[in-house]
Amino acid sequence: MTEPAYLAAVRESYDTVAADYVKLAPALPDALSLAMMAAFAELVRDRGPVADLGCGPGRLTAHLATLGLPVFGIDASPTMIELARDAFPSLRFDVGTMTALDIGNGELGGSMAFFSTYHTPPDWLPVIFAEFHRTLAPGGHLLLGTYTGDDEHVRPTRGYGGHPVSYESYMLPADRIVALLAETGRDVTIQLLREPDAETKRPNACFLARKKQ
């Protein structure tokens, strides 16, 4: 598959902001998000490898490892992957994209994409969600966290540390995300819908979805 054009902007932008992202972004998310991760870990433990898709500098990959999961991270930004490998040398981190995962069919017991899909144009989300479905074993679980909105399209010009960025952001309604997950073979079992707060400043949601047998 030819790489979609938007990925070049995402890769270049996160390579640019990577060092300041590590300095400025919270090391771990809030308590409710951590609770969703703990529930996810209980569901996928002993089911096979787990992938942290869009892992950034690897902090959440490492957190899942502390919960007893055989986890590895994938990110489109080579600089983010370098930082992750330096910070967590005992874990595996690979450069890759969610549109074409270098993972076999049904290989994963679980996958997590935590605030790593909202730069994806809506027309490409079915492709990504199909890849998530393809790589999960039957009965495996996906934990998806993302910003939500009324089909908002945002074009920021500055990212962490004030560096220029060229990625774009897309905030879809939660029910549309649920429908897209269902269309690609998953049942959403838990939804955590949240209003803007001091940390995120945007509505956001976590979805726990199970691949149908």
N, C-alpha and C. Protein backbone atom coordinates (compact mmCIF):
# COMPACT_ATOMS: atom_id res chain seq x y z
N MET A 1 0.84 -1.20 0.00
CA MET A 1 0.00 0.00 0.00
C MET A 1 0.87 1.25 0.00
N THR A 2 0.55 2.22 -0.86
CA THR A 2 1.25 3.49 -0.86
C THR A 2 0.94 4.26 0.42
N GLU A 3 1.99 4.80 1.04
CA GLU A 3 1.78 5.51 2.30
C GLU A 3 0.93 6.75 2.08
N PRO A 4 -0.09 6.96 2.90
CA PRO A 4 -0.92 8.17 2.74
C PRO A 4 -0.12 9.43 3.05
N ALA A 5 -0.48 10.51 2.37
CA ALA A 5 0.29 11.75 2.46
C ALA A 5 0.30 12.32 3.87
N TYR A 6 -0.79 12.16 4.62
CA TYR A 6 -0.85 12.79 5.94
C TYR A 6 0.21 12.26 6.88
N LEU A 7 0.68 11.02 6.65
CA LEU A 7 1.66 10.44 7.57
C LEU A 7 3.00 11.16 7.55
N ALA A 8 3.37 11.73 6.42
CA ALA A 8 4.63 12.48 6.35
C ALA A 8 4.59 13.69 7.28
N ALA A 9 3.44 14.37 7.32
CA ALA A 9 3.30 15.53 8.21
C ALA A 9 3.33 15.10 9.68
N VAL A 10 2.68 13.99 10.00
CA VAL A 10 2.67 13.49 11.37
C VAL A 10 4.09 13.10 11.80
N ARG A 11 4.78 12.38 10.92
CA ARG A 11 6.13 11.92 11.25
C ARG A 11 7.07 13.11 11.45
N GLU A 12 7.08 14.03 10.50
CA GLU A 12 7.98 15.18 10.59
C GLU A 12 7.67 16.04 11.81
N SER A 13 6.39 16.24 12.09
CA SER A 13 6.01 17.09 13.22
C SER A 13 6.45 16.47 14.54
N TYR A 14 6.22 15.17 14.71
CA TYR A 14 6.59 14.55 16.00
C TYR A 14 8.09 14.34 16.12
N ASP A 15 8.79 14.16 15.00
CA ASP A 15 10.26 14.19 15.08
C ASP A 15 10.73 15.54 15.60
N THR A 16 10.08 16.61 15.16
CA THR A 16 10.47 17.97 15.54
C THR A 16 10.22 18.26 17.01
N VAL A 17 9.08 17.80 17.53
CA VAL A 17 8.70 18.16 18.91
C VAL A 17 9.11 17.11 19.93
N ALA A 18 9.71 16.00 19.50
CA ALA A 18 9.90 14.84 20.37
C ALA A 18 10.59 15.18 21.69
N ALA A 19 11.71 15.90 21.64
CA ALA A 19 12.46 16.18 22.86
C ALA A 19 11.63 17.01 23.83
N ASP A 20 10.92 18.02 23.33
CA ASP A 20 10.10 18.86 24.20
C ASP A 20 8.85 18.12 24.65
N TYR A 21 8.34 17.20 23.84
CA TYR A 21 7.20 16.38 24.27
C TYR A 21 7.57 15.61 25.53
N VAL A 22 8.76 15.03 25.56
CA VAL A 22 9.19 14.28 26.74
C VAL A 22 9.30 15.18 27.96
N LYS A 23 9.74 16.41 27.75
CA LYS A 23 9.89 17.34 28.87
C LYS A 23 8.55 17.87 29.37
N LEU A 24 7.61 18.12 28.47
CA LEU A 24 6.41 18.88 28.80
C LEU A 24 5.15 18.04 28.98
N ALA A 25 5.06 16.92 28.32
CA ALA A 25 3.84 16.10 28.43
C ALA A 25 3.84 15.34 29.75
N PRO A 26 2.67 15.11 30.34
CA PRO A 26 2.61 14.32 31.58
C PRO A 26 3.20 12.93 31.37
N ALA A 27 3.88 12.43 32.39
CA ALA A 27 4.48 11.10 32.28
C ALA A 27 3.42 10.03 32.14
N LEU A 28 2.31 10.17 32.84
CA LEU A 28 1.21 9.23 32.78
C LEU A 28 -0.10 10.00 32.73
N PRO A 29 -1.16 9.40 32.19
CA PRO A 29 -2.45 10.09 32.14
C PRO A 29 -3.13 10.11 33.49
N ASP A 30 -4.35 10.61 33.53
CA ASP A 30 -5.11 10.76 34.78
C ASP A 30 -5.58 9.40 35.30
N ALA A 31 -6.18 9.44 36.49
CA ALA A 31 -6.56 8.20 37.18
C ALA A 31 -7.60 7.39 36.41
N LEU A 32 -8.57 8.05 35.78
CA LEU A 32 -9.59 7.31 35.04
C LEU A 32 -9.00 6.60 33.83
N SER A 33 -8.10 7.25 33.15
CA SER A 33 -7.43 6.59 32.02
C SER A 33 -6.59 5.42 32.49
N LEU A 34 -5.91 5.58 33.61
CA LEU A 34 -5.12 4.48 34.16
C LEU A 34 -6.02 3.32 34.57
N ALA A 35 -7.22 3.64 35.06
CA ALA A 35 -8.16 2.58 35.42
C ALA A 35 -8.61 1.80 34.18
N MET A 36 -8.82 2.50 33.07
CA MET A 36 -9.17 1.82 31.82
C MET A 36 -8.03 0.92 31.36
N MET A 37 -6.81 1.39 31.53
CA MET A 37 -5.66 0.56 31.16
C MET A 37 -5.56 -0.67 32.05
N ALA A 38 -5.86 -0.50 33.33
CA ALA A 38 -5.82 -1.65 34.25
C ALA A 38 -6.87 -2.69 33.87
N ALA A 39 -8.07 -2.22 33.50
CA ALA A 39 -9.12 -3.15 33.05
C ALA A 39 -8.69 -3.86 31.77
N PHE A 40 -8.12 -3.09 30.84
CA PHE A 40 -7.61 -3.67 29.60
C PHE A 40 -6.57 -4.74 29.89
N ALA A 41 -5.65 -4.45 30.81
CA ALA A 41 -4.59 -5.41 31.14
C ALA A 41 -5.17 -6.70 31.69
N GLU A 42 -6.19 -6.60 32.53
CA GLU A 42 -6.81 -7.81 33.07
C GLU A 42 -7.44 -8.65 31.96
N LEU A 43 -8.02 -8.00 30.97
CA LEU A 43 -8.71 -8.72 29.90
C LEU A 43 -7.75 -9.40 28.92
N VAL A 44 -6.58 -8.81 28.70
CA VAL A 44 -5.68 -9.35 27.68
C VAL A 44 -4.51 -10.13 28.25
N ARG A 45 -4.35 -10.12 29.55
CA ARG A 45 -3.23 -10.84 30.15
C ARG A 45 -3.30 -12.33 29.79
N ASP A 46 -2.17 -12.88 29.40
CA ASP A 46 -2.04 -14.31 29.05
C ASP A 46 -2.74 -14.66 27.74
N ARG A 47 -3.10 -13.66 26.92
CA ARG A 47 -3.73 -13.93 25.63
C ARG A 47 -2.76 -13.79 24.46
N GLY A 48 -1.54 -13.33 24.74
CA GLY A 48 -0.57 -13.15 23.67
C GLY A 48 0.06 -11.78 23.72
N PRO A 49 0.89 -11.44 22.72
CA PRO A 49 1.56 -10.14 22.70
C PRO A 49 0.55 -8.99 22.64
N VAL A 50 0.99 -7.85 23.15
CA VAL A 50 0.17 -6.64 23.17
C VAL A 50 0.97 -5.52 22.50
N ALA A 51 0.31 -4.77 21.62
CA ALA A 51 0.97 -3.67 20.90
C ALA A 51 0.44 -2.33 21.39
N ASP A 52 1.36 -1.41 21.67
CA ASP A 52 1.02 -0.02 21.95
C ASP A 52 1.25 0.76 20.66
N LEU A 53 0.17 1.10 19.99
CA LEU A 53 0.21 1.65 18.64
C LEU A 53 0.20 3.18 18.69
N GLY A 54 1.26 3.78 18.18
CA GLY A 54 1.45 5.22 18.36
C GLY A 54 2.02 5.48 19.74
N CYS A 55 3.08 4.76 20.07
CA CYS A 55 3.59 4.71 21.46
C CYS A 55 4.34 5.96 21.87
N GLY A 56 4.74 6.82 20.93
CA GLY A 56 5.50 8.00 21.31
C GLY A 56 6.79 7.61 22.02
N PRO A 57 7.14 8.27 23.12
CA PRO A 57 8.39 7.98 23.81
C PRO A 57 8.33 6.77 24.74
N GLY A 58 7.25 5.99 24.65
CA GLY A 58 7.22 4.69 25.32
C GLY A 58 6.76 4.65 26.75
N ARG A 59 6.29 5.76 27.28
CA ARG A 59 5.92 5.77 28.70
C ARG A 59 4.74 4.84 28.99
N LEU A 60 3.73 4.85 28.13
CA LEU A 60 2.57 4.00 28.37
C LEU A 60 2.89 2.54 28.04
N THR A 61 3.78 2.32 27.08
CA THR A 61 4.26 0.96 26.83
C THR A 61 4.88 0.41 28.11
N ALA A 62 5.73 1.20 28.73
CA ALA A 62 6.38 0.77 29.97
C ALA A 62 5.36 0.57 31.09
N HIS A 63 4.34 1.42 31.14
CA HIS A 63 3.31 1.25 32.17
C HIS A 63 2.56 -0.07 31.97
N LEU A 64 2.21 -0.40 30.72
CA LEU A 64 1.55 -1.68 30.48
C LEU A 64 2.45 -2.85 30.87
N ALA A 65 3.76 -2.69 30.67
CA ALA A 65 4.69 -3.74 31.08
C ALA A 65 4.66 -3.95 32.59
N THR A 66 4.52 -2.86 33.36
CA THR A 66 4.44 -3.01 34.82
C THR A 66 3.17 -3.71 35.25
N LEU A 67 2.15 -3.73 34.36
CA LEU A 67 0.91 -4.44 34.65
C LEU A 67 0.98 -5.90 34.23
N GLY A 68 2.15 -6.34 33.82
CA GLY A 68 2.35 -7.75 33.51
C GLY A 68 2.10 -8.15 32.08
N LEU A 69 2.06 -7.19 31.16
CA LEU A 69 1.76 -7.51 29.77
C LEU A 69 3.04 -7.64 28.94
N PRO A 70 3.08 -8.59 28.01
CA PRO A 70 4.21 -8.72 27.08
C PRO A 70 4.04 -7.72 25.93
N VAL A 71 4.39 -6.49 26.19
CA VAL A 71 4.01 -5.38 25.32
C VAL A 71 5.20 -4.86 24.53
N PHE A 72 4.91 -4.37 23.33
CA PHE A 72 5.91 -3.67 22.53
C PHE A 72 5.25 -2.44 21.91
N GLY A 73 6.08 -1.46 21.49
CA GLY A 73 5.56 -0.20 20.98
C GLY A 73 5.89 0.02 19.51
N ILE A 74 4.99 0.70 18.82
CA ILE A 74 5.18 1.07 17.42
C ILE A 74 4.84 2.54 17.26
N ASP A 75 5.66 3.28 16.52
CA ASP A 75 5.37 4.68 16.26
C ASP A 75 5.94 5.06 14.90
N ALA A 76 5.28 6.02 14.24
CA ALA A 76 5.74 6.48 12.92
C ALA A 76 6.96 7.39 13.01
N SER A 77 7.22 7.96 14.19
CA SER A 77 8.32 8.91 14.36
C SER A 77 9.60 8.19 14.78
N PRO A 78 10.62 8.16 13.93
CA PRO A 78 11.88 7.53 14.33
C PRO A 78 12.51 8.18 15.56
N THR A 79 12.35 9.49 15.71
CA THR A 79 12.93 10.16 16.87
C THR A 79 12.24 9.73 18.15
N MET A 80 10.91 9.60 18.11
CA MET A 80 10.19 9.10 19.28
C MET A 80 10.66 7.68 19.63
N ILE A 81 10.85 6.85 18.63
CA ILE A 81 11.30 5.48 18.89
C ILE A 81 12.70 5.47 19.50
N GLU A 82 13.59 6.34 19.03
CA GLU A 82 14.92 6.44 19.63
C GLU A 82 14.83 6.81 21.10
N LEU A 83 13.98 7.79 21.43
CA LEU A 83 13.82 8.20 22.82
C LEU A 83 13.24 7.06 23.66
N ALA A 84 12.29 6.32 23.10
CA ALA A 84 11.71 5.19 23.84
C ALA A 84 12.74 4.11 24.11
N ARG A 85 13.53 3.79 23.10
CA ARG A 85 14.56 2.76 23.29
C ARG A 85 15.60 3.17 24.32
N ASP A 86 15.96 4.46 24.33
CA ASP A 86 16.93 4.95 25.32
C ASP A 86 16.35 4.90 26.73
N ALA A 87 15.07 5.25 26.87
CA ALA A 87 14.46 5.32 28.20
C ALA A 87 14.11 3.93 28.74
N PHE A 88 13.74 3.01 27.84
CA PHE A 88 13.27 1.70 28.29
C PHE A 88 13.96 0.61 27.47
N PRO A 89 15.25 0.40 27.73
CA PRO A 89 16.04 -0.50 26.87
C PRO A 89 15.61 -1.97 26.96
N SER A 90 14.86 -2.34 27.96
CA SER A 90 14.43 -3.74 28.08
C SER A 90 13.19 -4.05 27.24
N LEU A 91 12.56 -3.01 26.68
CA LEU A 91 11.35 -3.20 25.89
C LEU A 91 11.64 -3.05 24.40
N ARG A 92 10.76 -3.61 23.60
CA ARG A 92 10.90 -3.54 22.14
C ARG A 92 10.11 -2.37 21.59
N PHE A 93 10.75 -1.59 20.71
CA PHE A 93 10.09 -0.48 20.03
C PHE A 93 10.48 -0.51 18.55
N ASP A 94 9.47 -0.38 17.69
CA ASP A 94 9.69 -0.43 16.24
C ASP A 94 9.09 0.80 15.57
N VAL A 95 9.75 1.26 14.52
CA VAL A 95 9.18 2.29 13.65
C VAL A 95 8.17 1.61 12.73
N GLY A 96 6.97 2.17 12.66
CA GLY A 96 5.95 1.60 11.79
C GLY A 96 4.73 2.48 11.76
N THR A 97 3.78 2.14 10.89
CA THR A 97 2.57 2.94 10.75
C THR A 97 1.34 2.08 10.99
N MET A 98 0.29 2.70 11.46
CA MET A 98 -0.95 1.99 11.75
C MET A 98 -1.72 1.62 10.48
N THR A 99 -1.37 2.23 9.36
CA THR A 99 -2.06 1.88 8.11
C THR A 99 -1.54 0.58 7.52
N ALA A 100 -0.36 0.14 7.94
CA ALA A 100 0.23 -1.10 7.41
C ALA A 100 1.13 -1.70 8.49
N LEU A 101 0.52 -2.36 9.46
CA LEU A 101 1.26 -2.91 10.59
C LEU A 101 2.03 -4.15 10.16
N ASP A 102 3.29 -4.21 10.58
CA ASP A 102 4.13 -5.37 10.29
C ASP A 102 3.90 -6.42 11.37
N ILE A 103 2.66 -6.88 11.45
CA ILE A 103 2.21 -7.84 12.46
C ILE A 103 1.32 -8.85 11.74
N GLY A 104 1.48 -10.12 12.09
CA GLY A 104 0.71 -11.15 11.42
C GLY A 104 -0.76 -11.14 11.79
N ASN A 105 -1.55 -11.81 10.98
CA ASN A 105 -2.99 -11.93 11.24
C ASN A 105 -3.23 -12.65 12.57
N GLY A 106 -4.06 -12.05 13.43
CA GLY A 106 -4.43 -12.69 14.69
C GLY A 106 -3.29 -12.88 15.66
N GLU A 107 -2.22 -12.11 15.53
CA GLU A 107 -1.02 -12.31 16.35
C GLU A 107 -1.15 -11.73 17.76
N LEU A 108 -1.98 -10.71 17.91
CA LEU A 108 -2.02 -9.96 19.17
C LEU A 108 -3.17 -10.40 20.07
N GLY A 109 -2.87 -10.46 21.36
CA GLY A 109 -3.94 -10.64 22.33
C GLY A 109 -4.64 -9.34 22.65
N GLY A 110 -3.94 -8.23 22.46
CA GLY A 110 -4.51 -6.91 22.73
C GLY A 110 -3.73 -5.83 22.02
N SER A 111 -4.39 -4.71 21.78
CA SER A 111 -3.70 -3.55 21.21
C SER A 111 -4.29 -2.29 21.83
N MET A 112 -3.44 -1.29 22.00
CA MET A 112 -3.84 -0.01 22.56
C MET A 112 -3.40 1.09 21.62
N ALA A 113 -4.32 2.00 21.33
CA ALA A 113 -4.01 3.22 20.55
C ALA A 113 -4.53 4.38 21.39
N PHE A 114 -3.66 4.94 22.20
CA PHE A 114 -4.08 5.92 23.20
C PHE A 114 -3.73 7.32 22.72
N PHE A 115 -4.75 8.02 22.22
CA PHE A 115 -4.59 9.37 21.68
C PHE A 115 -3.52 9.40 20.58
N SER A 116 -3.60 8.42 19.70
CA SER A 116 -2.65 8.33 18.60
C SER A 116 -3.33 8.23 17.24
N THR A 117 -4.66 8.32 17.20
CA THR A 117 -5.37 8.22 15.91
C THR A 117 -6.04 9.52 15.48
N TYR A 118 -6.03 10.55 16.31
CA TYR A 118 -6.82 11.73 15.97
C TYR A 118 -6.18 12.61 14.91
N HIS A 119 -4.95 12.31 14.51
CA HIS A 119 -4.36 12.99 13.35
C HIS A 119 -4.73 12.30 12.04
N THR A 120 -5.51 11.25 12.11
CA THR A 120 -5.88 10.47 10.93
C THR A 120 -7.11 11.07 10.27
N PRO A 121 -7.04 11.42 8.98
CA PRO A 121 -8.26 11.88 8.29
C PRO A 121 -9.35 10.82 8.39
N PRO A 122 -10.61 11.24 8.56
CA PRO A 122 -11.70 10.27 8.75
C PRO A 122 -11.77 9.20 7.67
N ASP A 123 -11.44 9.54 6.43
CA ASP A 123 -11.50 8.54 5.36
C ASP A 123 -10.50 7.41 5.56
N TRP A 124 -9.45 7.66 6.35
CA TRP A 124 -8.44 6.64 6.60
C TRP A 124 -8.71 5.84 7.86
N LEU A 125 -9.61 6.29 8.70
CA LEU A 125 -9.87 5.55 9.94
C LEU A 125 -10.33 4.11 9.68
N PRO A 126 -11.20 3.85 8.71
CA PRO A 126 -11.57 2.45 8.47
C PRO A 126 -10.36 1.57 8.11
N VAL A 127 -9.38 2.13 7.42
CA VAL A 127 -8.17 1.37 7.09
C VAL A 127 -7.41 1.01 8.36
N ILE A 128 -7.24 1.99 9.24
CA ILE A 128 -6.53 1.75 10.49
C ILE A 128 -7.30 0.77 11.37
N PHE A 129 -8.60 0.97 11.49
CA PHE A 129 -9.39 0.07 12.33
C PHE A 129 -9.40 -1.34 11.75
N ALA A 130 -9.35 -1.47 10.43
CA ALA A 130 -9.26 -2.80 9.82
C ALA A 130 -7.92 -3.46 10.15
N GLU A 131 -6.84 -2.69 10.20
CA GLU A 131 -5.55 -3.23 10.61
C GLU A 131 -5.58 -3.66 12.07
N PHE A 132 -6.20 -2.87 12.93
CA PHE A 132 -6.34 -3.27 14.33
C PHE A 132 -7.08 -4.61 14.41
N HIS A 133 -8.14 -4.74 13.62
CA HIS A 133 -8.94 -5.97 13.63
C HIS A 133 -8.13 -7.15 13.09
N ARG A 134 -7.43 -6.94 11.99
CA ARG A 134 -6.66 -8.02 11.37
C ARG A 134 -5.63 -8.62 12.30
N THR A 135 -4.95 -7.77 13.05
CA THR A 135 -3.83 -8.23 13.87
C THR A 135 -4.26 -8.79 15.22
N LEU A 136 -5.53 -8.55 15.63
CA LEU A 136 -6.02 -9.09 16.90
C LEU A 136 -6.49 -10.53 16.73
N ALA A 137 -6.21 -11.35 17.72
CA ALA A 137 -6.77 -12.69 17.76
C ALA A 137 -8.26 -12.61 18.09
N PRO A 138 -9.07 -13.59 17.67
CA PRO A 138 -10.48 -13.61 18.07
C PRO A 138 -10.61 -13.52 19.59
N GLY A 139 -11.49 -12.64 20.05
CA GLY A 139 -11.66 -12.42 21.48
C GLY A 139 -10.68 -11.43 22.08
N GLY A 140 -9.71 -10.95 21.26
CA GLY A 140 -8.76 -9.96 21.75
C GLY A 140 -9.42 -8.60 21.91
N HIS A 141 -8.77 -7.72 22.64
CA HIS A 141 -9.35 -6.42 22.97
C HIS A 141 -8.49 -5.27 22.47
N LEU A 142 -9.17 -4.20 22.09
CA LEU A 142 -8.56 -2.93 21.72
C LEU A 142 -8.96 -1.88 22.74
N LEU A 143 -7.98 -1.10 23.20
CA LEU A 143 -8.25 0.09 24.01
C LEU A 143 -7.90 1.30 23.16
N LEU A 144 -8.91 2.09 22.84
CA LEU A 144 -8.74 3.27 22.00
C LEU A 144 -9.09 4.52 22.79
N GLY A 145 -8.15 5.45 22.88
CA GLY A 145 -8.42 6.75 23.49
C GLY A 145 -8.24 7.83 22.44
N THR A 146 -9.16 8.80 22.43
CA THR A 146 -9.06 9.85 21.41
C THR A 146 -9.87 11.07 21.82
N TYR A 147 -9.58 12.19 21.18
CA TYR A 147 -10.42 13.38 21.35
C TYR A 147 -11.69 13.21 20.53
N THR A 148 -12.77 13.81 20.99
CA THR A 148 -14.04 13.73 20.28
C THR A 148 -14.56 15.13 20.00
N GLY A 149 -15.52 15.21 19.10
CA GLY A 149 -16.10 16.51 18.74
C GLY A 149 -17.12 16.33 17.64
N ASP A 150 -17.63 17.42 17.15
CA ASP A 150 -18.67 17.40 16.13
C ASP A 150 -18.02 17.55 14.74
N ASP A 151 -17.26 16.52 14.35
CA ASP A 151 -16.55 16.53 13.07
C ASP A 151 -15.67 17.78 12.93
N GLU A 152 -14.93 18.07 14.00
CA GLU A 152 -14.04 19.23 13.98
C GLU A 152 -12.74 18.89 13.25
N HIS A 153 -12.21 19.86 12.53
CA HIS A 153 -10.95 19.72 11.80
C HIS A 153 -10.07 20.90 12.21
N VAL A 154 -8.97 20.61 12.89
CA VAL A 154 -8.10 21.64 13.46
C VAL A 154 -6.74 21.57 12.78
N ARG A 155 -6.20 22.73 12.44
CA ARG A 155 -4.88 22.81 11.81
C ARG A 155 -3.95 23.65 12.69
N PRO A 156 -3.35 23.04 13.71
CA PRO A 156 -2.43 23.80 14.57
C PRO A 156 -1.16 24.16 13.80
N THR A 157 -0.53 25.22 14.22
CA THR A 157 0.73 25.63 13.59
C THR A 157 1.93 25.45 14.52
N ARG A 158 1.65 25.29 15.82
CA ARG A 158 2.73 25.11 16.79
C ARG A 158 2.42 23.92 17.69
N GLY A 159 3.47 23.18 18.04
CA GLY A 159 3.31 22.04 18.93
C GLY A 159 4.11 22.23 20.21
N TYR A 160 4.44 21.14 20.88
CA TYR A 160 5.21 21.20 22.13
C TYR A 160 6.48 22.01 21.92
N GLY A 161 6.77 22.89 22.88
CA GLY A 161 7.96 23.72 22.80
C GLY A 161 7.86 24.85 21.80
N GLY A 162 6.67 25.05 21.23
CA GLY A 162 6.49 26.12 20.25
C GLY A 162 7.03 25.80 18.88
N HIS A 163 7.40 24.54 18.63
CA HIS A 163 7.95 24.17 17.34
C HIS A 163 6.85 24.16 16.27
N PRO A 164 7.17 24.52 15.05
CA PRO A 164 6.17 24.46 13.98
C PRO A 164 5.79 23.02 13.68
N VAL A 165 4.50 22.80 13.44
CA VAL A 165 4.00 21.48 13.08
C VAL A 165 3.09 21.59 11.86
N SER A 166 2.97 20.49 11.13
CA SER A 166 2.13 20.49 9.94
C SER A 166 1.05 19.42 9.98
N TYR A 167 0.96 18.65 11.09
CA TYR A 167 -0.12 17.68 11.18
C TYR A 167 -1.45 18.38 11.38
N GLU A 168 -2.53 17.64 11.13
CA GLU A 168 -3.87 18.15 11.37
C GLU A 168 -4.59 17.21 12.32
N SER A 169 -5.65 17.69 12.96
CA SER A 169 -6.37 16.90 13.95
C SER A 169 -7.85 16.85 13.58
N TYR A 170 -8.45 15.69 13.85
CA TYR A 170 -9.85 15.44 13.48
C TYR A 170 -10.58 14.88 14.70
N MET A 171 -11.63 15.54 15.13
CA MET A 171 -12.40 15.12 16.29
C MET A 171 -13.80 14.70 15.85
N LEU A 172 -14.08 13.41 15.93
CA LEU A 172 -15.35 12.85 15.48
C LEU A 172 -16.28 12.61 16.67
N PRO A 173 -17.59 12.55 16.43
CA PRO A 173 -18.51 12.18 17.52
C PRO A 173 -18.22 10.76 18.01
N ALA A 174 -18.45 10.55 19.29
CA ALA A 174 -18.18 9.23 19.88
C ALA A 174 -18.99 8.14 19.21
N ASP A 175 -20.25 8.42 18.88
CA ASP A 175 -21.08 7.37 18.29
C ASP A 175 -20.58 6.98 16.90
N ARG A 176 -19.96 7.91 16.20
CA ARG A 176 -19.40 7.57 14.89
C ARG A 176 -18.19 6.66 15.04
N ILE A 177 -17.39 6.90 16.05
CA ILE A 177 -16.24 6.03 16.31
C ILE A 177 -16.71 4.63 16.67
N VAL A 178 -17.73 4.54 17.51
CA VAL A 178 -18.29 3.23 17.86
C VAL A 178 -18.78 2.50 16.62
N ALA A 179 -19.46 3.22 15.73
CA ALA A 179 -19.97 2.61 14.50
C ALA A 179 -18.83 2.12 13.62
N LEU A 180 -17.76 2.90 13.50
CA LEU A 180 -16.62 2.48 12.69
C LEU A 180 -15.95 1.23 13.26
N LEU A 181 -15.85 1.16 14.58
CA LEU A 181 -15.29 -0.03 15.21
C LEU A 181 -16.18 -1.24 14.95
N ALA A 182 -17.50 -1.05 15.03
CA ALA A 182 -18.42 -2.15 14.78
C ALA A 182 -18.33 -2.63 13.34
N GLU A 183 -18.17 -1.70 12.41
CA GLU A 183 -18.08 -2.06 11.00
C GLU A 183 -16.84 -2.88 10.69
N THR A 184 -15.82 -2.74 11.52
CA THR A 184 -14.58 -3.51 11.31
C THR A 184 -14.44 -4.63 12.33
N GLY A 185 -15.58 -5.14 12.83
CA GLY A 185 -15.58 -6.41 13.53
C GLY A 185 -15.38 -6.39 15.02
N ARG A 186 -15.73 -5.29 15.69
CA ARG A 186 -15.57 -5.25 17.14
C ARG A 186 -16.84 -4.76 17.82
N ASP A 187 -17.07 -5.29 19.01
CA ASP A 187 -18.14 -4.82 19.86
C ASP A 187 -17.54 -3.93 20.94
N VAL A 188 -18.01 -2.69 21.05
CA VAL A 188 -17.55 -1.81 22.12
C VAL A 188 -18.26 -2.20 23.40
N THR A 189 -17.49 -2.59 24.40
CA THR A 189 -18.06 -3.06 25.66
C THR A 189 -18.07 -1.98 26.74
N ILE A 190 -17.16 -1.03 26.65
CA ILE A 190 -17.09 0.06 27.63
C ILE A 190 -16.78 1.35 26.90
N GLN A 191 -17.51 2.42 27.24
CA GLN A 191 -17.20 3.76 26.76
C GLN A 191 -17.03 4.68 27.96
N LEU A 192 -15.96 5.42 27.97
CA LEU A 192 -15.73 6.45 28.97
C LEU A 192 -15.70 7.78 28.24
N LEU A 193 -16.80 8.54 28.34
CA LEU A 193 -16.92 9.82 27.65
C LEU A 193 -16.68 10.94 28.64
N ARG A 194 -15.84 11.89 28.27
CA ARG A 194 -15.42 12.91 29.21
C ARG A 194 -15.51 14.30 28.61
N GLU A 195 -15.95 15.23 29.42
CA GLU A 195 -16.02 16.63 29.02
C GLU A 195 -14.64 17.27 29.16
N PRO A 196 -14.43 18.43 28.56
CA PRO A 196 -13.13 19.10 28.68
C PRO A 196 -12.77 19.36 30.14
N ASP A 197 -11.49 19.24 30.43
CA ASP A 197 -11.02 19.56 31.77
C ASP A 197 -9.74 20.40 31.66
N ALA A 198 -9.14 20.70 32.81
CA ALA A 198 -7.98 21.58 32.81
C ALA A 198 -6.81 20.98 32.05
N GLU A 199 -6.76 19.64 31.96
CA GLU A 199 -5.63 18.99 31.32
C GLU A 199 -5.80 18.89 29.82
N THR A 200 -6.96 18.43 29.35
CA THR A 200 -7.11 18.17 27.92
C THR A 200 -7.76 19.32 27.16
N LYS A 201 -8.68 20.05 27.82
CA LYS A 201 -9.36 21.20 27.22
C LYS A 201 -10.26 20.82 26.03
N ARG A 202 -10.43 19.52 25.77
CA ARG A 202 -11.31 19.05 24.71
C ARG A 202 -12.07 17.83 25.19
N PRO A 203 -13.29 17.62 24.68
CA PRO A 203 -13.97 16.36 24.99
C PRO A 203 -13.12 15.19 24.50
N ASN A 204 -13.15 14.10 25.25
CA ASN A 204 -12.36 12.94 24.86
C ASN A 204 -13.04 11.68 25.34
N ALA A 205 -12.57 10.55 24.86
CA ALA A 205 -13.24 9.30 25.18
C ALA A 205 -12.24 8.14 25.14
N CYS A 206 -12.55 7.11 25.92
CA CYS A 206 -11.85 5.84 25.84
C CYS A 206 -12.88 4.77 25.49
N PHE A 207 -12.50 3.89 24.58
CA PHE A 207 -13.35 2.80 24.15
C PHE A 207 -12.62 1.49 24.35
N LEU A 208 -13.27 0.54 24.99
CA LEU A 208 -12.74 -0.81 25.11
C LEU A 208 -13.59 -1.69 24.21
N ALA A 209 -12.97 -2.31 23.23
CA ALA A 209 -13.70 -3.05 22.22
C ALA A 209 -13.13 -4.45 22.07
N ARG A 210 -13.99 -5.42 21.88
CA ARG A 210 -13.59 -6.83 21.78
C ARG A 210 -13.81 -7.33 20.35
N LYS A 211 -12.80 -7.99 19.80
CA LYS A 211 -12.93 -8.59 18.48
C LYS A 211 -13.86 -9.78 18.56
N LYS A 212 -14.82 -9.84 17.64
CA LYS A 212 -15.77 -10.92 17.63
C LYS A 212 -15.07 -12.26 17.34
N GLN A 213 -15.61 -13.31 17.90
CA GLN A 213 -15.04 -14.65 17.68
C GLN A 213 -15.23 -15.08 16.23
